[in-house]
Amino acid sequence: MARDTLLVALAKRAHKIPIGLVSITLLSLATLIGWLLGGPVGVGTIICSFATGPIMQFAFKTVNFDATNVHHQHLTDSLKIMANKKAA
């Protein structure tokens, strides 16, 4: 969840860079850091690092979804909305 939030935040900052490329960069960096720390990196890890971004970008484009236009709300606002739905 935190990685996804970071992905959206970085995509918002880098207006001209597609979210798929931001995802590739973020996941590749995480893979590199994990490998440098002694973690195992196999073919599947590399495929996931480089394929997730383009697949996500294709899916978003297919359904006309722009992740950079998502507006988050505070937890207290979400709780108020849920409480109102339960009361109704």
Protein backbone atom coordinates (compact mmCIF):
# COMPACT_ATOMS: atom_id res chain seq x y z
CA MET A 1 0.00 0.00 0.00
CA ALA A 2 2.77 2.44 0.88
CA ARG A 3 4.58 1.57 -2.34
CA ASP A 4 1.44 2.31 -4.36
CA THR A 5 1.04 5.66 -2.63
CA LEU A 6 4.68 6.47 -3.37
CA LEU A 7 4.12 5.44 -6.99
CA VAL A 8 1.17 7.80 -7.39
CA ALA A 9 3.00 10.63 -5.60
CA LEU A 10 6.05 10.26 -7.86
CA ALA A 11 3.85 10.09 -10.96
CA LYS A 12 2.12 13.31 -9.88
CA ARG A 13 5.49 15.02 -9.44
CA ALA A 14 6.84 13.82 -12.79
CA HIS A 15 4.00 15.11 -14.97
CA LYS A 16 5.41 14.04 -18.34
CA ILE A 17 6.68 10.60 -17.31
CA PRO A 18 4.13 7.78 -17.76
CA ILE A 19 3.11 5.92 -14.60
CA GLY A 20 4.39 2.67 -16.14
CA LEU A 21 7.91 4.04 -16.37
CA VAL A 22 7.70 5.40 -12.82
CA SER A 23 6.63 1.93 -11.69
CA ILE A 24 9.52 0.25 -13.52
CA THR A 25 11.96 2.68 -11.91
CA LEU A 26 10.54 2.22 -8.43
CA LEU A 27 10.35 -1.57 -8.58
CA SER A 28 13.79 -1.88 -10.18
CA LEU A 29 15.29 0.32 -7.49
CA ALA A 30 13.62 -1.79 -4.78
CA THR A 31 14.94 -4.95 -6.45
CA LEU A 32 18.45 -3.52 -6.68
CA ILE A 33 18.45 -2.45 -3.03
CA GLY A 34 17.13 -5.85 -1.98
CA TRP A 35 19.85 -7.59 -3.98
CA LEU A 36 22.54 -5.29 -2.52
CA LEU A 37 21.29 -6.20 0.95
CA GLY A 38 21.76 -9.88 0.14
CA GLY A 39 18.27 -10.88 -0.95
CA PRO A 40 17.65 -13.42 -3.69
CA VAL A 41 16.84 -12.07 -7.14
CA GLY A 42 15.68 -14.50 -9.79
CA VAL A 43 14.19 -14.36 -13.25
CA GLY A 44 10.68 -13.95 -11.81
CA THR A 45 11.76 -10.95 -9.77
CA ILE A 46 13.25 -9.28 -12.83
CA ILE A 47 10.17 -10.04 -14.93
CA CYS A 48 7.90 -8.57 -12.23
CA SER A 49 10.08 -5.47 -11.93
CA PHE A 50 9.93 -4.70 -15.62
CA ALA A 51 6.48 -6.04 -16.58
CA THR A 52 4.27 -4.66 -13.79
CA GLY A 53 4.54 -1.03 -14.93
CA PRO A 54 3.58 -1.54 -18.58
CA ILE A 55 0.75 -3.92 -17.64
CA MET A 56 -0.59 -1.43 -15.10
CA GLN A 57 -0.31 1.43 -17.58
CA PHE A 58 -2.14 -0.61 -20.24
CA ALA A 59 -4.92 -1.51 -17.78
CA PHE A 60 -5.32 2.12 -16.68
CA LYS A 61 -5.41 3.29 -20.30
CA THR A 62 -7.96 0.61 -21.21
CA VAL A 63 -10.45 1.82 -18.57
CA ASN A 64 -9.54 5.53 -18.92
CA PHE A 65 -8.23 5.76 -15.35
CA ASP A 66 -5.69 8.41 -14.38
CA ALA A 67 -4.08 7.53 -11.06
CA THR A 68 -2.58 11.01 -10.76
CA ASN A 69 -6.08 12.53 -10.48
CA VAL A 70 -7.06 10.44 -7.46
CA HIS A 71 -7.81 12.62 -4.44
CA HIS A 72 -7.33 11.03 -1.05
CA GLN A 73 -9.37 11.90 1.99
CA HIS A 74 -8.45 11.88 5.65
CA LEU A 75 -9.26 8.84 7.76
CA THR A 76 -11.68 10.85 9.90
CA ASP A 77 -13.65 11.84 6.79
CA SER A 78 -13.85 8.18 5.72
CA LEU A 79 -15.09 7.16 9.17
CA LYS A 80 -17.78 9.86 9.12
CA ILE A 81 -19.00 8.69 5.72
CA MET A 82 -19.11 5.06 6.88
CA ALA A 83 -20.96 6.03 10.09
CA ASN A 84 -23.57 7.95 8.08
CA LYS A 85 -24.16 4.97 5.79
CA LYS A 86 -24.66 2.63 8.75
CA ALA A 87 -27.11 5.07 10.36
CA ALA A 88 -29.23 5.34 7.22
